[in-house]
Amino acid sequence: MILGLGGVRMLQILDHDNLEAYHMNEGHAALSTLELMDRYQQDLEKVKEICVFTTHTPVPADYRSCMRERHIRQTSRERR
């Protein structure tokens, strides 16, 4: 929430809010879109136009998939 709503508000306070784009990496700043919707009177098309979303982890990388892979490697070694 701090990165999203707070980030947009902080840029405004610092007089850096006349941006051409707001870049959000992963979901950490996703709530910034709510603040921008308020700023642009719920103009969804405008908010879509100025928001860019990227991800640096396009593959499953949570602890469950890592643990599953580790378990498969470990059990396959034990079977040998």
PDB file of N, CA and C in Angstrom:
ATOM      1  N   MET A   1       0.819  -1.185   0.000  1.00  0.00           N
ATOM      2  CA  MET A   1       0.000   0.000   0.000  1.00  0.00           C
ATOM      3  C   MET A   1       0.869   1.258   0.000  1.00  0.00           C
ATOM      4  N   ILE A   2       1.965   1.210   0.748  1.00  0.00           N
ATOM      5  CA  ILE A   2       2.846   2.379   0.833  1.00  0.00           C
ATOM      6  C   ILE A   2       3.458   2.677  -0.523  1.00  0.00           C
ATOM      7  N   LEU A   3       3.914   1.643  -1.217  1.00  0.00           N
ATOM      8  CA  LEU A   3       4.521   1.870  -2.531  1.00  0.00           C
ATOM      9  C   LEU A   3       3.500   2.351  -3.548  1.00  0.00           C
ATOM     10  N   GLY A   4       2.276   1.892  -3.432  1.00  0.00           N
ATOM     11  CA  GLY A   4       1.250   2.254  -4.397  1.00  0.00           C
ATOM     12  C   GLY A   4       0.655   3.621  -4.137  1.00  0.00           C
ATOM     13  N   LEU A   5      -0.254   3.680  -3.176  1.00  0.00           N
ATOM     14  CA  LEU A   5      -0.919   4.946  -2.859  1.00  0.00           C
ATOM     15  C   LEU A   5       0.090   5.989  -2.382  1.00  0.00           C
ATOM     16  N   GLY A   6       0.943   5.583  -1.476  1.00  0.00           N
ATOM     17  CA  GLY A   6       1.925   6.515  -0.917  1.00  0.00           C
ATOM     18  C   GLY A   6       2.934   7.002  -1.927  1.00  0.00           C
ATOM     19  N   GLY A   7       3.315   6.121  -2.850  1.00  0.00           N
ATOM     20  CA  GLY A   7       4.287   6.514  -3.866  1.00  0.00           C
ATOM     21  C   GLY A   7       3.757   7.617  -4.770  1.00  0.00           C
ATOM     22  N   VAL A   8       2.514   7.484  -5.201  1.00  0.00           N
ATOM     23  CA  VAL A   8       1.899   8.501  -6.057  1.00  0.00           C
ATOM     24  C   VAL A   8       1.756   9.811  -5.279  1.00  0.00           C
ATOM     25  N   ARG A   9       1.328   9.710  -4.036  1.00  0.00           N
ATOM     26  CA  ARG A   9       1.160  10.922  -3.213  1.00  0.00           C
ATOM     27  C   ARG A   9       2.498  11.592  -2.930  1.00  0.00           C
ATOM     28  N   MET A  10       3.537  10.777  -2.680  1.00  0.00           N
ATOM     29  CA  MET A  10       4.860  11.342  -2.409  1.00  0.00           C
ATOM     30  C   MET A  10       5.379  12.097  -3.633  1.00  0.00           C
ATOM     31  N   LEU A  11       5.190  11.525  -4.822  1.00  0.00           N
ATOM     32  CA  LEU A  11       5.622  12.218  -6.031  1.00  0.00           C
ATOM     33  C   LEU A  11       4.895  13.549  -6.186  1.00  0.00           C
ATOM     34  N   GLN A  12       3.633  13.585  -5.829  1.00  0.00           N
ATOM     35  CA  GLN A  12       2.871  14.829  -5.912  1.00  0.00           C
ATOM     36  C   GLN A  12       3.408  15.864  -4.926  1.00  0.00           C
ATOM     37  N   ILE A  13       3.677  15.450  -3.700  1.00  0.00           N
ATOM     38  CA  ILE A  13       4.220  16.357  -2.679  1.00  0.00           C
ATOM     39  C   ILE A  13       5.573  16.911  -3.116  1.00  0.00           C
ATOM     40  N   LEU A  14       6.382  16.079  -3.754  1.00  0.00           N
ATOM     41  CA  LEU A  14       7.709  16.503  -4.223  1.00  0.00           C
ATOM     42  C   LEU A  14       7.655  17.237  -5.562  1.00  0.00           C
ATOM     43  N   ASP A  15       6.444  17.473  -6.056  1.00  0.00           N
ATOM     44  CA  ASP A  15       6.229  18.166  -7.324  1.00  0.00           C
ATOM     45  C   ASP A  15       6.843  17.413  -8.503  1.00  0.00           C
ATOM     46  N   HIS A  16       6.741  16.084  -8.443  1.00  0.00           N
ATOM     47  CA  HIS A  16       7.214  15.218  -9.533  1.00  0.00           C
ATOM     48  C   HIS A  16       6.064  14.360 -10.039  1.00  0.00           C
ATOM     49  N   ASP A  17       4.893  14.918 -10.134  1.00  0.00           N
ATOM     50  CA  ASP A  17       3.743  14.100 -10.497  1.00  0.00           C
ATOM     51  C   ASP A  17       3.206  14.375 -11.898  1.00  0.00           C
ATOM     52  N   ASN A  18       3.904  15.166 -12.673  1.00  0.00           N
ATOM     53  CA  ASN A  18       3.486  15.406 -14.044  1.00  0.00           C
ATOM     54  C   ASN A  18       4.249  14.444 -14.958  1.00  0.00           C
ATOM     55  N   LEU A  19       4.021  13.146 -14.727  1.00  0.00           N
ATOM     56  CA  LEU A  19       4.782  12.111 -15.410  1.00  0.00           C
ATOM     57  C   LEU A  19       4.049  11.605 -16.645  1.00  0.00           C
ATOM     58  N   GLU A  20       4.811  11.147 -17.613  1.00  0.00           N
ATOM     59  CA  GLU A  20       4.214  10.543 -18.804  1.00  0.00           C
ATOM     60  C   GLU A  20       3.812   9.104 -18.525  1.00  0.00           C
ATOM     61  N   ALA A  21       4.500   8.453 -17.581  1.00  0.00           N
ATOM     62  CA  ALA A  21       4.200   7.052 -17.277  1.00  0.00           C
ATOM     63  C   ALA A  21       4.548   6.736 -15.830  1.00  0.00           C
ATOM     64  N   TYR A  22       3.802   5.795 -15.276  1.00  0.00           N
ATOM     65  CA  TYR A  22       4.086   5.247 -13.954  1.00  0.00           C
ATOM     66  C   TYR A  22       4.425   3.781 -14.163  1.00  0.00           C
ATOM     67  N   HIS A  23       5.657   3.425 -13.805  1.00  0.00           N
ATOM     68  CA  HIS A  23       6.125   2.061 -14.006  1.00  0.00           C
ATOM     69  C   HIS A  23       5.944   1.267 -12.720  1.00  0.00           C
ATOM     70  N   MET A  24       5.238   0.156 -12.824  1.00  0.00           N
ATOM     71  CA  MET A  24       5.041  -0.733 -11.677  1.00  0.00           C
ATOM     72  C   MET A  24       5.713  -2.054 -11.989  1.00  0.00           C
ATOM     73  N   ASN A  25       6.645  -2.454 -11.140  1.00  0.00           N
ATOM     74  CA  ASN A  25       7.313  -3.738 -11.309  1.00  0.00           C
ATOM     75  C   ASN A  25       6.732  -4.708 -10.290  1.00  0.00           C
ATOM     76  N   GLU A  26       6.256  -5.828 -10.788  1.00  0.00           N
ATOM     77  CA  GLU A  26       5.561  -6.808  -9.957  1.00  0.00           C
ATOM     78  C   GLU A  26       4.291  -6.171  -9.402  1.00  0.00           C
ATOM     79  N   GLY A  27       3.751  -6.711  -8.353  1.00  0.00           N
ATOM     80  CA  GLY A  27       2.496  -6.209  -7.825  1.00  0.00           C
ATOM     81  C   GLY A  27       2.659  -5.223  -6.691  1.00  0.00           C
ATOM     82  N   HIS A  28       3.898  -4.916  -6.313  1.00  0.00           N
ATOM     83  CA  HIS A  28       4.154  -4.108  -5.138  1.00  0.00           C
ATOM     84  C   HIS A  28       3.506  -2.727  -5.200  1.00  0.00           C
ATOM     85  N   ALA A  29       3.453  -2.144  -6.356  1.00  0.00           N
ATOM     86  CA  ALA A  29       2.909  -0.788  -6.488  1.00  0.00           C
ATOM     87  C   ALA A  29       1.562  -0.766  -7.197  1.00  0.00           C
ATOM     88  N   ALA A  30       0.909  -1.907  -7.292  1.00  0.00           N
ATOM     89  CA  ALA A  30      -0.332  -1.994  -8.056  1.00  0.00           C
ATOM     90  C   ALA A  30      -1.424  -1.064  -7.534  1.00  0.00           C
ATOM     91  N   LEU A  31      -1.433  -0.774  -6.234  1.00  0.00           N
ATOM     92  CA  LEU A  31      -2.461   0.105  -5.690  1.00  0.00           C
ATOM     93  C   LEU A  31      -2.297   1.554  -6.135  1.00  0.00           C
ATOM     94  N   SER A  32      -1.187   1.857  -6.765  1.00  0.00           N
ATOM     95  CA  SER A  32      -1.021   3.214  -7.299  1.00  0.00           C
ATOM     96  C   SER A  32      -2.107   3.503  -8.335  1.00  0.00           C
ATOM     97  N   THR A  33      -2.599   2.468  -8.995  1.00  0.00           N
ATOM     98  CA  THR A  33      -3.656   2.675  -9.983  1.00  0.00           C
ATOM     99  C   THR A  33      -4.921   3.242  -9.340  1.00  0.00           C
ATOM    100  N   LEU A  34      -5.196   2.858  -8.085  1.00  0.00           N
ATOM    101  CA  LEU A  34      -6.371   3.403  -7.395  1.00  0.00           C
ATOM    102  C   LEU A  34      -6.209   4.894  -7.133  1.00  0.00           C
ATOM    103  N   GLU A  35      -5.026   5.283  -6.734  1.00  0.00           N
ATOM    104  CA  GLU A  35      -4.755   6.708  -6.498  1.00  0.00           C
ATOM    105  C   GLU A  35      -4.848   7.486  -7.810  1.00  0.00           C
ATOM    106  N   LEU A  36      -4.332   6.898  -8.875  1.00  0.00           N
ATOM    107  CA  LEU A  36      -4.394   7.566 -10.174  1.00  0.00           C
ATOM    108  C   LEU A  36      -5.833   7.644 -10.695  1.00  0.00           C
ATOM    109  N   MET A  37      -6.632   6.629 -10.408  1.00  0.00           N
ATOM    110  CA  MET A  37      -8.047   6.689 -10.795  1.00  0.00           C
ATOM    111  C   MET A  37      -8.733   7.868 -10.107  1.00  0.00           C
ATOM    112  N   ASP A  38      -8.428   8.092  -8.837  1.00  0.00           N
ATOM    113  CA  ASP A  38      -8.991   9.250  -8.133  1.00  0.00           C
ATOM    114  C   ASP A  38      -8.503  10.552  -8.759  1.00  0.00           C
ATOM    115  N   ARG A  39      -7.220  10.602  -9.054  1.00  0.00           N
ATOM    116  CA  ARG A  39      -6.646  11.824  -9.616  1.00  0.00           C
ATOM    117  C   ARG A  39      -7.251  12.166 -10.974  1.00  0.00           C
ATOM    118  N   TYR A  40      -7.509  11.158 -11.782  1.00  0.00           N
ATOM    119  CA  TYR A  40      -8.034  11.387 -13.132  1.00  0.00           C
ATOM    120  C   TYR A  40      -9.536  11.119 -13.220  1.00  0.00           C
ATOM    121  N   GLN A  41     -10.259  11.368 -12.130  1.00  0.00           N
ATOM    122  CA  GLN A  41     -11.728  11.284 -12.081  1.00  0.00           C
ATOM    123  C   GLN A  41     -12.262   9.975 -12.680  1.00  0.00           C
ATOM    124  N   GLN A  42     -11.676   8.864 -12.273  1.00  0.00           N
ATOM    125  CA  GLN A  42     -12.113   7.522 -12.678  1.00  0.00           C
ATOM    126  C   GLN A  42     -11.994   7.275 -14.189  1.00  0.00           C
ATOM    127  N   ASP A  43     -11.092   7.994 -14.851  1.00  0.00           N
ATOM    128  CA  ASP A  43     -10.873   7.820 -16.287  1.00  0.00           C
ATOM    129  C   ASP A  43      -9.952   6.613 -16.508  1.00  0.00           C
ATOM    130  N   LEU A  44     -10.563   5.454 -16.640  1.00  0.00           N
ATOM    131  CA  LEU A  44      -9.812   4.208 -16.762  1.00  0.00           C
ATOM    132  C   LEU A  44      -8.870   4.216 -17.966  1.00  0.00           C
ATOM    133  N   GLU A  45      -9.309   4.732 -19.079  1.00  0.00           N
ATOM    134  CA  GLU A  45      -8.464   4.756 -20.285  1.00  0.00           C
ATOM    135  C   GLU A  45      -7.214   5.599 -20.061  1.00  0.00           C
ATOM    136  N   LYS A  46      -7.349   6.726 -19.383  1.00  0.00           N
ATOM    137  CA  LYS A  46      -6.196   7.581 -19.083  1.00  0.00           C
ATOM    138  C   LYS A  46      -5.212   6.843 -18.180  1.00  0.00           C
ATOM    139  N   VAL A  47      -5.734   6.187 -17.143  1.00  0.00           N
ATOM    140  CA  VAL A  47      -4.861   5.459 -16.217  1.00  0.00           C
ATOM    141  C   VAL A  47      -4.164   4.304 -16.939  1.00  0.00           C
ATOM    142  N   LYS A  48      -4.862   3.600 -17.790  1.00  0.00           N
ATOM    143  CA  LYS A  48      -4.233   2.533 -18.585  1.00  0.00           C
ATOM    144  C   LYS A  48      -3.125   3.087 -19.470  1.00  0.00           C
ATOM    145  N   GLU A  49      -3.356   4.247 -20.009  1.00  0.00           N
ATOM    146  CA  GLU A  49      -2.405   4.889 -20.921  1.00  0.00           C
ATOM    147  C   GLU A  49      -1.094   5.245 -20.222  1.00  0.00           C
ATOM    148  N   ILE A  50      -1.168   5.656 -18.967  1.00  0.00           N
ATOM    149  CA  ILE A  50       0.036   6.130 -18.278  1.00  0.00           C
ATOM    150  C   ILE A  50       0.689   5.085 -17.371  1.00  0.00           C
ATOM    151  N   CYS A  51       0.079   3.904 -17.251  1.00  0.00           N
ATOM    152  CA  CYS A  51       0.645   2.865 -16.390  1.00  0.00           C
ATOM    153  C   CYS A  51       1.328   1.780 -17.208  1.00  0.00           C
ATOM    154  N   VAL A  52       2.499   1.399 -16.748  1.00  0.00           N
ATOM    155  CA  VAL A  52       3.269   0.326 -17.369  1.00  0.00           C
ATOM    156  C   VAL A  52       3.559  -0.700 -16.286  1.00  0.00           C
ATOM    157  N   PHE A  53       3.237  -1.951 -16.557  1.00  0.00           N
ATOM    158  CA  PHE A  53       3.465  -3.022 -15.593  1.00  0.00           C
ATOM    159  C   PHE A  53       4.455  -4.015 -16.178  1.00  0.00           C
ATOM    160  N   THR A  54       5.475  -4.337 -15.402  1.00  0.00           N
ATOM    161  CA  THR A  54       6.433  -5.367 -15.825  1.00  0.00           C
ATOM    162  C   THR A  54       6.632  -6.345 -14.681  1.00  0.00           C
ATOM    163  N   THR A  55       7.173  -7.489 -15.019  1.00  0.00           N
ATOM    164  CA  THR A  55       7.496  -8.488 -14.009  1.00  0.00           C
ATOM    165  C   THR A  55       8.888  -9.027 -14.290  1.00  0.00           C
ATOM    166  N   HIS A  56       9.651  -9.231 -13.249  1.00  0.00           N
ATOM    167  CA  HIS A  56      10.984  -9.787 -13.445  1.00  0.00           C
ATOM    168  C   HIS A  56      10.993 -11.280 -13.138  1.00  0.00           C
ATOM    169  N   THR A  57       9.840 -11.844 -12.797  1.00  0.00           N
ATOM    170  CA  THR A  57       9.752 -13.266 -12.487  1.00  0.00           C
ATOM    171  C   THR A  57       8.621 -13.884 -13.309  1.00  0.00           C
ATOM    172  N   PRO A  58       8.831 -14.084 -14.597  1.00  0.00           N
ATOM    173  CA  PRO A  58       7.754 -14.590 -15.449  1.00  0.00           C
ATOM    174  C   PRO A  58       7.515 -16.099 -15.331  1.00  0.00           C
ATOM    175  N   VAL A  59       8.216 -16.759 -14.420  1.00  0.00           N
ATOM    176  CA  VAL A  59       8.036 -18.194 -14.207  1.00  0.00           C
ATOM    177  C   VAL A  59       7.657 -18.435 -12.753  1.00  0.00           C
ATOM    178  N   PRO A  60       7.051 -19.570 -12.452  1.00  0.00           N
ATOM    179  CA  PRO A  60       6.734 -19.850 -11.046  1.00  0.00           C
ATOM    180  C   PRO A  60       8.009 -19.861 -10.211  1.00  0.00           C
ATOM    181  N   ALA A  61       8.037 -19.060  -9.177  1.00  0.00           N
ATOM    182  CA  ALA A  61       9.254 -18.970  -8.361  1.00  0.00           C
ATOM    183  C   ALA A  61       8.937 -18.886  -6.885  1.00  0.00           C
ATOM    184  N   ASP A  62       7.737 -19.270  -6.511  1.00  0.00           N
ATOM    185  CA  ASP A  62       7.418 -19.200  -5.098  1.00  0.00           C
ATOM    186  C   ASP A  62       8.050 -20.364  -4.351  1.00  0.00           C
ATOM    187  N   TYR A  63       7.974 -20.332  -3.041  1.00  0.00           N
ATOM    188  CA  TYR A  63       8.649 -21.349  -2.243  1.00  0.00           C
ATOM    189  C   TYR A  63       8.076 -22.749  -2.508  1.00  0.00           C
ATOM    190  N   ARG A  64       6.789 -22.845  -2.843  1.00  0.00           N
ATOM    191  CA  ARG A  64       6.192 -24.169  -3.068  1.00  0.00           C
ATOM    192  C   ARG A  64       6.814 -24.850  -4.279  1.00  0.00           C
ATOM    193  N   SER A  65       7.003 -24.122  -5.374  1.00  0.00           N
ATOM    194  CA  SER A  65       7.587 -24.761  -6.545  1.00  0.00           C
ATOM    195  C   SER A  65       9.054 -25.091  -6.309  1.00  0.00           C
ATOM    196  N   CYS A  66       9.761 -24.250  -5.588  1.00  0.00           N
ATOM    197  CA  CYS A  66      11.165 -24.533  -5.267  1.00  0.00           C
ATOM    198  C   CYS A  66      11.269 -25.762  -4.385  1.00  0.00           C
ATOM    199  N   MET A  67      10.399 -25.861  -3.390  1.00  0.00           N
ATOM    200  CA  MET A  67      10.418 -27.010  -2.491  1.00  0.00           C
ATOM    201  C   MET A  67      10.054 -28.284  -3.245  1.00  0.00           C
ATOM    202  N   ARG A  68       9.095 -28.205  -4.162  1.00  0.00           N
ATOM    203  CA  ARG A  68       8.695 -29.376  -4.944  1.00  0.00           C
ATOM    204  C   ARG A  68       9.868 -29.855  -5.791  1.00  0.00           C
ATOM    205  N   GLU A  69      10.553 -28.929  -6.454  1.00  0.00           N
ATOM    206  CA  GLU A  69      11.699 -29.315  -7.286  1.00  0.00           C
ATOM    207  C   GLU A  69      12.816 -29.918  -6.437  1.00  0.00           C
ATOM    208  N   ARG A  70      13.060 -29.333  -5.280  1.00  0.00           N
ATOM    209  CA  ARG A  70      14.090 -29.865  -4.390  1.00  0.00           C
ATOM    210  C   ARG A  70      13.708 -31.279  -3.940  1.00  0.00           C
ATOM    211  N   HIS A  71      12.443 -31.477  -3.611  1.00  0.00           N
ATOM    212  CA  HIS A  71      11.975 -32.792  -3.174  1.00  0.00           C
ATOM    213  C   HIS A  71      12.141 -33.818  -4.292  1.00  0.00           C
ATOM    214  N   ILE A  72      11.782 -33.451  -5.516  1.00  0.00           N
ATOM    215  CA  ILE A  72      11.922 -34.371  -6.646  1.00  0.00           C
ATOM    216  C   ILE A  72      13.386 -34.742  -6.859  1.00  0.00           C
ATOM    217  N   ARG A  73      14.274 -33.761  -6.797  1.00  0.00           N
ATOM    218  CA  ARG A  73      15.707 -34.057  -6.968  1.00  0.00           C
ATOM    219  C   ARG A  73      16.212 -34.975  -5.862  1.00  0.00           C
ATOM    220  N   GLN A  74      15.822 -34.665  -4.640  1.00  0.00           N
ATOM    221  CA  GLN A  74      16.289 -35.438  -3.493  1.00  0.00           C
ATOM    222  C   GLN A  74      15.779 -36.878  -3.551  1.00  0.00           C
ATOM    223  N   THR A  75      14.505 -37.051  -3.838  1.00  0.00           N
ATOM    224  CA  THR A  75      13.959 -38.410  -3.863  1.00  0.00           C
ATOM    225  C   THR A  75      14.485 -39.209  -5.050  1.00  0.00           C
ATOM    226  N   SER A  76      14.769 -38.546  -6.159  1.00  0.00           N
ATOM    227  CA  SER A  76      15.316 -39.287  -7.306  1.00  0.00           C
ATOM    228  C   SER A  76      16.753 -39.761  -7.002  1.00  0.00           C
ATOM    229  N   ARG A  77      17.493 -38.994  -6.222  1.00  0.00           N
ATOM    230  CA  ARG A  77      18.845 -39.423  -5.827  1.00  0.00           C
ATOM    231  C   ARG A  77      18.768 -40.628  -4.910  1.00  0.00           C
ATOM    232  N   GLU A  78      17.802 -40.630  -4.021  1.00  0.00           N
ATOM    233  CA  GLU A  78      17.676 -41.720  -3.055  1.00  0.00           C
ATOM    234  C   GLU A  78      17.293 -43.029  -3.748  1.00  0.00           C
ATOM    235  N   ARG A  79      16.611 -42.962  -4.852  1.00  0.00           N
ATOM    236  CA  ARG A  79      16.174 -44.171  -5.569  1.00  0.00           C
ATOM    237  C   ARG A  79      17.310 -44.827  -6.330  1.00  0.00           C
ATOM    238  N   ARG A  80      18.356 -44.108  -6.594  1.00  0.00           N
ATOM    239  CA  ARG A  80      19.473 -44.648  -7.391  1.00  0.00           C
ATOM    240  C   ARG A  80      20.243 -45.681  -6.653  1.00  0.00           C
TER     241      ARG A  80
END
